[in-house]
C-alpha atoms as a PDB file:
ATOM      1  CA  MET A   1     -17.593   3.239 -18.787  1.00  0.00           C
ATOM      2  CA  SER A   2     -14.032   2.463 -17.621  1.00  0.00           C
ATOM      3  CA  GLY A   3     -14.942   3.813 -14.170  1.00  0.00           C
ATOM      4  CA  LEU A   4     -17.798   1.316 -13.965  1.00  0.00           C
ATOM      5  CA  ILE A   5     -15.497  -1.561 -14.941  1.00  0.00           C
ATOM      6  CA  TRP A   6     -13.012  -0.503 -12.270  1.00  0.00           C
ATOM      7  CA  ILE A   7     -15.772  -0.352  -9.633  1.00  0.00           C
ATOM      8  CA  LEU A   8     -16.952  -3.849 -10.598  1.00  0.00           C
ATOM      9  CA  ALA A   9     -13.387  -5.187 -10.385  1.00  0.00           C
ATOM     10  CA  LEU A  10     -13.003  -3.552  -6.969  1.00  0.00           C
ATOM     11  CA  LEU A  11     -16.233  -5.151  -5.746  1.00  0.00           C
ATOM     12  CA  VAL A  12     -15.077  -8.568  -6.927  1.00  0.00           C
ATOM     13  CA  ALA A  13     -11.761  -8.029  -5.125  1.00  0.00           C
ATOM     14  CA  LEU A  14     -13.514  -7.084  -1.903  1.00  0.00           C
ATOM     15  CA  LEU A  15     -15.928 -10.019  -1.991  1.00  0.00           C
ATOM     16  CA  LYS A  16     -13.384 -12.825  -2.568  1.00  0.00           C
ATOM     17  CA  PRO A  17     -13.223 -14.518   0.871  1.00  0.00           C
ATOM     18  CA  GLU A  18      -9.994 -16.412   0.171  1.00  0.00           C
ATOM     19  CA  TRP A  19      -8.166 -13.061  -0.041  1.00  0.00           C
ATOM     20  CA  LEU A  20      -9.195 -12.273   3.498  1.00  0.00           C
ATOM     21  CA  GLN A  21      -8.192 -15.722   4.743  1.00  0.00           C
ATOM     22  CA  GLY A  22      -4.763 -15.835   3.083  1.00  0.00           C
ATOM     23  CA  ALA A  23      -5.608 -18.960   1.095  1.00  0.00           C
ATOM     24  CA  THR A  24      -3.233 -20.513  -1.387  1.00  0.00           C
ATOM     25  CA  THR A  25      -4.215 -19.385  -4.879  1.00  0.00           C
ATOM     26  CA  THR A  26      -2.775 -19.003  -8.342  1.00  0.00           C
ATOM     27  CA  GLN A  27      -0.199 -16.332  -9.054  1.00  0.00           C
ATOM     28  CA  GLU A  28      -2.385 -14.639 -11.664  1.00  0.00           C
ATOM     29  CA  SER A  29      -5.107 -13.820  -9.157  1.00  0.00           C
ATOM     30  CA  GLY A  30      -2.849 -11.393  -7.305  1.00  0.00           C
ATOM     31  CA  THR A  31      -3.842 -12.695  -3.891  1.00  0.00           C
ATOM     32  CA  VAL A  32      -1.681 -13.494  -0.924  1.00  0.00           C
ATOM     33  CA  ARG A  33      -0.261 -17.011  -1.088  1.00  0.00           C
ATOM     34  CA  GLU A  34       1.047 -19.100   1.778  1.00  0.00           C
ATOM     35  CA  ASN A  35       4.306 -17.596   3.064  1.00  0.00           C
ATOM     36  CA  THR A  36       4.313 -15.149   0.149  1.00  0.00           C
ATOM     37  CA  PHE A  37       2.714 -11.783  -0.235  1.00  0.00           C
ATOM     38  CA  GLU A  38       1.534 -10.593  -3.591  1.00  0.00           C
ATOM     39  CA  ALA A  39       0.005  -7.241  -4.289  1.00  0.00           C
ATOM     40  CA  ARG A  40      -3.685  -7.261  -5.067  1.00  0.00           C
ATOM     41  CA  VAL A  41      -3.861  -4.937  -8.067  1.00  0.00           C
ATOM     42  CA  VAL A  42      -7.168  -3.801  -9.511  1.00  0.00           C
ATOM     43  CA  GLY A  43      -7.306  -1.902 -12.775  1.00  0.00           C
ATOM     44  CA  TYR A  44      -4.397  -0.618 -14.784  1.00  0.00           C
ATOM     45  CA  LEU A  45      -0.925  -0.231 -13.310  1.00  0.00           C
ATOM     46  CA  PRO A  46       2.090   0.098 -15.629  1.00  0.00           C
ATOM     47  CA  GLN A  47       4.402  -2.918 -15.641  1.00  0.00           C
ATOM     48  CA  LYS A  48       7.357  -1.083 -14.073  1.00  0.00           C
ATOM     49  CA  ALA A  49       5.228   0.117 -11.158  1.00  0.00           C
ATOM     50  CA  ARG A  50       3.622  -3.336 -10.817  1.00  0.00           C
ATOM     51  CA  GLN A  51       7.050  -5.037 -10.621  1.00  0.00           C
ATOM     52  CA  GLN A  52       8.306  -2.471  -8.114  1.00  0.00           C
ATOM     53  CA  LEU A  53       5.160  -3.002  -6.037  1.00  0.00           C
ATOM     54  CA  LYS A  54       5.759  -6.751  -5.909  1.00  0.00           C
ATOM     55  CA  ARG A  55       9.405  -6.376  -4.816  1.00  0.00           C
ATOM     56  CA  ALA A  56       8.702  -3.592  -2.329  1.00  0.00           C
ATOM     57  CA  LEU A  57       5.823  -5.501  -0.750  1.00  0.00           C
ATOM     58  CA  LEU A  58       8.084  -8.493  -0.085  1.00  0.00           C
ATOM     59  CA  LEU A  59      10.712  -6.199   1.442  1.00  0.00           C
ATOM     60  CA  ALA A  60       8.085  -4.459   3.615  1.00  0.00           C
ATOM     61  CA  VAL A  61       6.842  -7.824   4.907  1.00  0.00           C
ATOM     62  CA  GLN A  62      10.443  -8.830   5.601  1.00  0.00           C
ATOM     63  CA  GLY A  63      10.952  -5.636   7.620  1.00  0.00           C
ATOM     64  CA  LEU A  64       7.835  -6.397   9.653  1.00  0.00           C
ATOM     65  CA  GLY A  65       9.081  -9.929  10.345  1.00  0.00           C
ATOM     66  CA  GLU A  66      12.650  -9.038  11.248  1.00  0.00           C
ATOM     67  CA  ARG A  67      12.244  -5.738  13.098  1.00  0.00           C
ATOM     68  CA  PRO A  68       9.955  -5.727  16.172  1.00  0.00           C
ATOM     69  CA  ASP A  69       9.914  -1.910  16.146  1.00  0.00           C
ATOM     70  CA  CYS A  70       8.423  -2.050  12.652  1.00  0.00           C
ATOM     71  CA  GLY A  71       5.472  -4.146  13.785  1.00  0.00           C
ATOM     72  CA  GLU A  72       5.092  -1.941  16.847  1.00  0.00           C
ATOM     73  CA  LEU A  73       4.194   1.018  14.596  1.00  0.00           C
ATOM     74  CA  PHE A  74       1.021  -0.889  13.677  1.00  0.00           C
ATOM     75  CA  ALA A  75       0.423  -2.376  17.142  1.00  0.00           C
ATOM     76  CA  ALA A  76       0.304   1.176  18.550  1.00  0.00           C
ATOM     77  CA  LEU A  77      -2.702   1.714  16.260  1.00  0.00           C
ATOM     78  CA  GLY A  78      -4.305  -1.606  17.280  1.00  0.00           C
ATOM     79  CA  ALA A  79      -3.407  -3.196  13.946  1.00  0.00           C
ATOM     80  CA  ASP A  80      -1.182  -5.868  12.432  1.00  0.00           C
ATOM     81  CA  GLY A  81       1.109  -4.615   9.665  1.00  0.00           C
ATOM     82  CA  ARG A  82       1.051  -7.860   7.677  1.00  0.00           C
ATOM     83  CA  GLU A  83      -2.749  -7.921   7.763  1.00  0.00           C
ATOM     84  CA  LYS A  84      -2.950  -4.305   6.599  1.00  0.00           C
ATOM     85  CA  LEU A  85      -0.578  -4.970   3.699  1.00  0.00           C
ATOM     86  CA  GLN A  86      -2.509  -8.128   2.824  1.00  0.00           C
ATOM     87  CA  ALA A  87      -5.876  -6.337   2.839  1.00  0.00           C
ATOM     88  CA  THR A  88      -4.730  -3.389   0.718  1.00  0.00           C
ATOM     89  CA  ILE A  89      -6.008  -3.057  -2.826  1.00  0.00           C
ATOM     90  CA  TYR A  90      -3.543  -1.290  -5.122  1.00  0.00           C
ATOM     91  CA  SER A  91      -4.408   0.551  -8.308  1.00  0.00           C
ATOM     92  CA  GLY A  92      -3.233   3.343 -10.493  1.00  0.00           C
ATOM     93  CA  PRO A  93      -5.268   6.554 -10.520  1.00  0.00           C
ATOM     94  CA  ILE A  94      -8.756   5.881 -11.906  1.00  0.00           C
ATOM     95  CA  SER A  95      -9.752   9.482 -12.562  1.00  0.00           C
ATOM     96  CA  SER A  96      -8.160  12.682 -13.768  1.00  0.00           C
ATOM     97  CA  ALA A  97      -8.681  14.084 -10.252  1.00  0.00           C
ATOM     98  CA  GLU A  98      -6.587  11.263  -8.740  1.00  0.00           C
ATOM     99  CA  SER A  99      -3.888  11.708 -11.389  1.00  0.00           C
ATOM    100  CA  GLU A 100      -3.810  15.422 -10.636  1.00  0.00           C
ATOM    101  CA  LEU A 101      -3.529  14.716  -6.902  1.00  0.00           C
ATOM    102  CA  CYS A 102      -0.509  12.489  -7.567  1.00  0.00           C
ATOM    103  CA  ARG A 103       1.086  15.259  -9.653  1.00  0.00           C
ATOM    104  CA  ARG A 104       0.310  18.126  -7.269  1.00  0.00           C
ATOM    105  CA  ARG A 105       1.629  16.274  -4.229  1.00  0.00           C
ATOM    106  CA  HIS A 106       4.603  14.758  -6.076  1.00  0.00           C
ATOM    107  CA  ALA A 107       3.451  11.544  -4.413  1.00  0.00           C
ATOM    108  CA  ALA A 108       4.533   7.971  -4.993  1.00  0.00           C
ATOM    109  CA  ALA A 109       1.285   6.654  -3.457  1.00  0.00           C
ATOM    110  CA  LEU A 110      -1.883   7.912  -1.770  1.00  0.00           C
ATOM    111  CA  THR A 111      -4.221   6.339   0.798  1.00  0.00           C
ATOM    112  CA  THR A 112      -7.078   7.859   2.767  1.00  0.00           C
ATOM    113  CA  VAL A 113      -7.065   7.263   6.511  1.00  0.00           C
ATOM    114  CA  ARG A 114      -8.691   3.877   7.161  1.00  0.00           C
ATOM    115  CA  GLY A 115      -9.023   3.331   3.407  1.00  0.00           C
ATOM    116  CA  ARG A 116      -8.259  -0.104   1.928  1.00  0.00           C
ATOM    117  CA  ARG A 117      -7.238   1.234  -1.472  1.00  0.00           C
ATOM    118  CA  THR A 118      -3.794   2.650  -2.175  1.00  0.00           C
ATOM    119  CA  ILE A 119      -3.290   4.625  -5.359  1.00  0.00           C
ATOM    120  CA  ILE A 120       0.118   3.923  -6.866  1.00  0.00           C
ATOM    121  CA  CYS A 121       1.294   7.085  -8.588  1.00  0.00           C
ATOM    122  CA  SER A 122       3.195   6.103 -11.685  1.00  0.00           C
ATOM    123  CA  PRO A 123       5.857   6.670 -12.893  1.00  0.00           C
ATOM    124  CA  THR A 124       7.052   8.069  -9.538  1.00  0.00           C
ATOM    125  CA  PHE A 125       6.619   4.805  -7.599  1.00  0.00           C
ATOM    126  CA  GLY A 126       8.307   2.706 -10.276  1.00  0.00           C
ATOM    127  CA  GLU A 127      11.395   4.943 -10.185  1.00  0.00           C
ATOM    128  CA  LEU A 128      11.988   4.704  -6.432  1.00  0.00           C
ATOM    129  CA  ARG A 129      14.895   2.872  -4.839  1.00  0.00           C
ATOM    130  CA  LEU A 130      13.556  -0.455  -3.505  1.00  0.00           C
ATOM    131  CA  GLY A 131      13.971   0.420   0.188  1.00  0.00           C
ATOM    132  CA  ARG A 132      12.220   3.738  -0.381  1.00  0.00           C
ATOM    133  CA  ALA A 133       9.346   1.959  -2.148  1.00  0.00           C
ATOM    134  CA  ALA A 134       8.962  -0.383   0.867  1.00  0.00           C
ATOM    135  CA  VAL A 135       8.838   2.670   3.169  1.00  0.00           C
ATOM    136  CA  VAL A 136       6.079   4.129   0.963  1.00  0.00           C
ATOM    137  CA  LEU A 137       4.001   0.935   1.194  1.00  0.00           C
ATOM    138  CA  LEU A 138       4.374   0.765   4.975  1.00  0.00           C
ATOM    139  CA  HIS A 139       3.596   4.488   5.274  1.00  0.00           C
ATOM    140  CA  GLU A 140       0.380   3.971   3.291  1.00  0.00           C
ATOM    141  CA  ALA A 141      -0.487   0.846   5.316  1.00  0.00           C
ATOM    142  CA  LEU A 142      -0.197   2.961   8.480  1.00  0.00           C
ATOM    143  CA  HIS A 143      -2.854   5.281   7.009  1.00  0.00           C
ATOM    144  CA  HIS A 144      -4.964   2.180   6.354  1.00  0.00           C
ATOM    145  CA  ALA A 145      -4.510   1.366  10.064  1.00  0.00           C
ATOM    146  CA  GLY A 146      -5.688   4.845  11.074  1.00  0.00           C
ATOM    147  CA  LEU A 147      -2.579   7.027  11.239  1.00  0.00           C
ATOM    148  CA  THR A 148      -3.337  10.614  10.278  1.00  0.00           C
ATOM    149  CA  GLU A 149      -0.940  13.094   8.686  1.00  0.00           C
ATOM    150  CA  SER A 150      -0.454  16.842   8.755  1.00  0.00           C
ATOM    151  CA  PRO A 151      -1.555  19.218   7.349  1.00  0.00           C
ATOM    152  CA  ALA A 152      -4.993  17.498   7.284  1.00  0.00           C
ATOM    153  CA  ASP A 153      -4.511  16.779  11.013  1.00  0.00           C
ATOM    154  CA  PRO A 154      -2.490  19.677  12.467  1.00  0.00           C
ATOM    155  CA  GLY A 155      -1.406  17.601  15.486  1.00  0.00           C
ATOM    156  CA  ALA A 156      -0.092  14.714  13.396  1.00  0.00           C
ATOM    157  CA  GLN A 157       3.318  14.024  11.888  1.00  0.00           C
ATOM    158  CA  SER A 158       4.186  15.246   8.409  1.00  0.00           C
ATOM    159  CA  ALA A 159       4.680  12.802   5.540  1.00  0.00           C
ATOM    160  CA  ARG A 160       8.450  13.185   5.875  1.00  0.00           C
ATOM    161  CA  GLU A 161       8.321  12.490   9.593  1.00  0.00           C
ATOM    162  CA  ILE A 162       6.246   9.345   8.997  1.00  0.00           C
ATOM    163  CA  ASP A 163       8.711   8.222   6.308  1.00  0.00           C
ATOM    164  CA  ARG A 164      11.651   8.742   8.701  1.00  0.00           C
ATOM    165  CA  MET A 165       9.836   6.876  11.483  1.00  0.00           C
ATOM    166  CA  VAL A 166       9.145   3.909   9.173  1.00  0.00           C
ATOM    167  CA  ALA A 167      12.673   3.889   7.721  1.00  0.00           C
ATOM    168  CA  VAL A 168      14.259   3.772  11.183  1.00  0.00           C
ATOM    169  CA  ALA A 169      11.829   1.294  12.754  1.00  0.00           C
ATOM    170  CA  CYS A 170      11.839  -1.061   9.756  1.00  0.00           C
ATOM    171  CA  GLY A 171      15.526  -0.855   8.850  1.00  0.00           C
ATOM    172  CA  PHE A 172      15.315   0.907   5.508  1.00  0.00           C
END
């Protein structure tokens, strides 16, 4: 039953047009407000991870605004980094398979290529240094924009290489 509730919440999140337009809304809705980015969280995410997500998202947006090389990572994929961060839906793992994937990969977050949903792996994400958490969010947003990763794509960069690329380009 909880899976069905999560799917309904996800559908509501995807169908709210003001989220796609960046409209001014209340803080509780978790949407992007004018000149402020807030994480759109669907389902359960522990408070520590949720707070870290909020801080890291603001830092990631700051990096995109202040460092042209940071935005260029997305432009090379035909995307806008701010738009990708704004369109992302964050959640904790919603199944035992997703929780196991977080554990096996020792991951802080997971996103499928071109996927809009980023799984925040808790407690790992909540324990990260703030700059590292911002790198993770930008790394995942690059997957949202279409960037592949090895070993799934043997010709692509590894996760560590993507992290280094983001850290250098975005000043973290």
